[in-house]
Amino acid sequence: MQQRRHRLDKTAIGTAIGFALPVVVFFVVYLFGNNNVSFFDYMRGLLKLQALIKLGSLCVFLNSAVFMGFIQLKFEKAARGVLGATIIYAIIVMISRAF
């Protein structure tokens, strides 16, 4: 007996969500933060405080909740895409910490 696949159970959709969600969370943090600072000044301040990578890592942490949600829904291919995006973000963080 073959199960019908859900239209959201695609690796490309999981990858897109995995890459987009941390960026959206980062912008939400900016918007609800200090409103009288331009975005570029905000980024410069984070770089100066060496907090950009830390905030980015926290934004990527939300991917774990999406990953677990896809696993609960039995969307294994979408979960694989989210995991792949998270691993790529982790590699970027490791490289940036090295320099």
C-alpha atoms as a PDB file:
ATOM      1  CA  MET A   1       0.000   0.000   0.000  1.00  0.00           C
ATOM      2  CA  GLN A   2       1.545   3.262  -1.123  1.00  0.00           C
ATOM      3  CA  GLN A   3       1.044   6.463   0.845  1.00  0.00           C
ATOM      4  CA  ARG A   4       0.132   9.642  -0.940  1.00  0.00           C
ATOM      5  CA  ARG A   5       2.828  12.290  -0.653  1.00  0.00           C
ATOM      6  CA  HIS A   6       1.978  15.734   0.658  1.00  0.00           C
ATOM      7  CA  ARG A   7       2.805  18.647  -1.651  1.00  0.00           C
ATOM      8  CA  LEU A   8       5.007  20.274   1.025  1.00  0.00           C
ATOM      9  CA  ASP A   9       7.139  17.155   1.479  1.00  0.00           C
ATOM     10  CA  LYS A  10       9.901  18.232  -0.890  1.00  0.00           C
ATOM     11  CA  THR A  11      13.561  18.790  -0.160  1.00  0.00           C
ATOM     12  CA  ALA A  12      13.558  22.111  -2.030  1.00  0.00           C
ATOM     13  CA  ILE A  13      10.744  23.472   0.143  1.00  0.00           C
ATOM     14  CA  GLY A  14      12.525  22.394   3.316  1.00  0.00           C
ATOM     15  CA  THR A  15      15.756  23.976   2.111  1.00  0.00           C
ATOM     16  CA  ALA A  16      14.000  27.234   1.249  1.00  0.00           C
ATOM     17  CA  ILE A  17      12.328  27.349   4.656  1.00  0.00           C
ATOM     18  CA  GLY A  18      15.617  26.458   6.352  1.00  0.00           C
ATOM     19  CA  PHE A  19      17.430  29.342   4.667  1.00  0.00           C
ATOM     20  CA  ALA A  20      14.613  31.915   4.856  1.00  0.00           C
ATOM     21  CA  LEU A  21      13.466  31.443   8.462  1.00  0.00           C
ATOM     22  CA  PRO A  22      16.691  32.647  10.157  1.00  0.00           C
ATOM     23  CA  VAL A  23      16.774  35.711   7.899  1.00  0.00           C
ATOM     24  CA  VAL A  24      13.151  36.536   8.736  1.00  0.00           C
ATOM     25  CA  VAL A  25      13.826  36.095  12.462  1.00  0.00           C
ATOM     26  CA  PHE A  26      16.889  38.355  12.184  1.00  0.00           C
ATOM     27  CA  PHE A  27      14.803  41.113  10.560  1.00  0.00           C
ATOM     28  CA  VAL A  28      12.046  40.694  13.168  1.00  0.00           C
ATOM     29  CA  VAL A  29      14.647  41.129  15.919  1.00  0.00           C
ATOM     30  CA  TYR A  30      15.862  44.285  14.181  1.00  0.00           C
ATOM     31  CA  LEU A  31      12.353  45.680  13.707  1.00  0.00           C
ATOM     32  CA  PHE A  32      11.331  45.093  17.315  1.00  0.00           C
ATOM     33  CA  GLY A  33      14.644  46.345  18.640  1.00  0.00           C
ATOM     34  CA  ASN A  34      15.999  49.870  18.556  1.00  0.00           C
ATOM     35  CA  ASN A  35      13.869  51.670  15.936  1.00  0.00           C
ATOM     36  CA  ASN A  36      15.902  54.861  15.684  1.00  0.00           C
ATOM     37  CA  VAL A  37      18.963  53.074  14.234  1.00  0.00           C
ATOM     38  CA  SER A  38      19.347  52.408  10.523  1.00  0.00           C
ATOM     39  CA  PHE A  39      19.828  48.825   9.440  1.00  0.00           C
ATOM     40  CA  PHE A  40      23.417  49.410   8.355  1.00  0.00           C
ATOM     41  CA  ASP A  41      24.299  51.077  11.659  1.00  0.00           C
ATOM     42  CA  TYR A  42      22.659  48.144  13.438  1.00  0.00           C
ATOM     43  CA  MET A  43      24.824  45.712  11.457  1.00  0.00           C
ATOM     44  CA  ARG A  44      27.983  47.762  12.135  1.00  0.00           C
ATOM     45  CA  GLY A  45      27.190  47.794  15.842  1.00  0.00           C
ATOM     46  CA  LEU A  46      26.728  44.028  15.885  1.00  0.00           C
ATOM     47  CA  LEU A  47      30.017  43.563  14.048  1.00  0.00           C
ATOM     48  CA  LYS A  48      31.802  45.913  16.441  1.00  0.00           C
ATOM     49  CA  LEU A  49      30.414  44.030  19.449  1.00  0.00           C
ATOM     50  CA  GLN A  50      31.206  40.699  17.761  1.00  0.00           C
ATOM     51  CA  ALA A  51      27.567  39.751  18.258  1.00  0.00           C
ATOM     52  CA  LEU A  52      26.506  39.251  14.640  1.00  0.00           C
ATOM     53  CA  ILE A  53      27.520  35.585  14.536  1.00  0.00           C
ATOM     54  CA  LYS A  54      25.944  34.942  17.942  1.00  0.00           C
ATOM     55  CA  LEU A  55      22.637  36.499  16.905  1.00  0.00           C
ATOM     56  CA  GLY A  56      22.763  34.625  13.618  1.00  0.00           C
ATOM     57  CA  SER A  57      23.308  31.365  15.477  1.00  0.00           C
ATOM     58  CA  LEU A  58      20.281  32.052  17.647  1.00  0.00           C
ATOM     59  CA  CYS A  59      18.193  32.744  14.565  1.00  0.00           C
ATOM     60  CA  VAL A  60      19.261  29.421  13.044  1.00  0.00           C
ATOM     61  CA  PHE A  61      18.304  27.649  16.282  1.00  0.00           C
ATOM     62  CA  LEU A  62      14.638  28.079  15.315  1.00  0.00           C
ATOM     63  CA  ASN A  63      15.277  25.683  12.427  1.00  0.00           C
ATOM     64  CA  SER A  64      15.375  22.840  14.956  1.00  0.00           C
ATOM     65  CA  ALA A  65      11.718  23.471  15.832  1.00  0.00           C
ATOM     66  CA  VAL A  66      10.749  23.445  12.154  1.00  0.00           C
ATOM     67  CA  PHE A  67      12.792  20.276  11.650  1.00  0.00           C
ATOM     68  CA  MET A  68      10.995  18.548  14.524  1.00  0.00           C
ATOM     69  CA  GLY A  69       7.637  19.733  13.176  1.00  0.00           C
ATOM     70  CA  PHE A  70       8.369  18.185   9.800  1.00  0.00           C
ATOM     71  CA  ILE A  71       9.447  14.956  11.475  1.00  0.00           C
ATOM     72  CA  GLN A  72       6.207  14.861  13.482  1.00  0.00           C
ATOM     73  CA  LEU A  73       4.214  15.369  10.277  1.00  0.00           C
ATOM     74  CA  LYS A  74       6.293  12.626   8.622  1.00  0.00           C
ATOM     75  CA  PHE A  75       7.619  15.042   5.966  1.00  0.00           C
ATOM     76  CA  GLU A  76      11.033  13.411   5.819  1.00  0.00           C
ATOM     77  CA  LYS A  77      12.163  15.089   2.601  1.00  0.00           C
ATOM     78  CA  ALA A  78      11.268  18.578   3.848  1.00  0.00           C
ATOM     79  CA  ALA A  79      13.004  17.807   7.152  1.00  0.00           C
ATOM     80  CA  ARG A  80      16.082  16.770   5.182  1.00  0.00           C
ATOM     81  CA  GLY A  81      16.084  20.158   3.429  1.00  0.00           C
ATOM     82  CA  VAL A  82      15.836  22.067   6.720  1.00  0.00           C
ATOM     83  CA  LEU A  83      18.658  19.984   8.163  1.00  0.00           C
ATOM     84  CA  GLY A  84      20.813  20.649   5.103  1.00  0.00           C
ATOM     85  CA  ALA A  85      20.273  24.410   5.363  1.00  0.00           C
ATOM     86  CA  THR A  86      21.081  24.296   9.075  1.00  0.00           C
ATOM     87  CA  ILE A  87      24.303  22.403   8.416  1.00  0.00           C
ATOM     88  CA  ILE A  88      25.337  24.976   5.797  1.00  0.00           C
ATOM     89  CA  TYR A  89      24.643  27.784   8.292  1.00  0.00           C
ATOM     90  CA  ALA A  90      26.719  25.906  10.888  1.00  0.00           C
ATOM     91  CA  ILE A  91      29.631  25.602   8.457  1.00  0.00           C
ATOM     92  CA  ILE A  92      29.437  29.341   7.735  1.00  0.00           C
ATOM     93  CA  VAL A  93      29.490  30.088  11.480  1.00  0.00           C
ATOM     94  CA  MET A  94      32.493  27.811  12.023  1.00  0.00           C
ATOM     95  CA  ILE A  95      34.404  29.454   9.165  1.00  0.00           C
ATOM     96  CA  SER A  96      33.573  32.952  10.427  1.00  0.00           C
ATOM     97  CA  ARG A  97      34.688  32.057  13.951  1.00  0.00           C
ATOM     98  CA  ALA A  98      38.033  30.884  12.581  1.00  0.00           C
ATOM     99  CA  PHE A  99      38.789  34.337  11.138  1.00  0.00           C
END
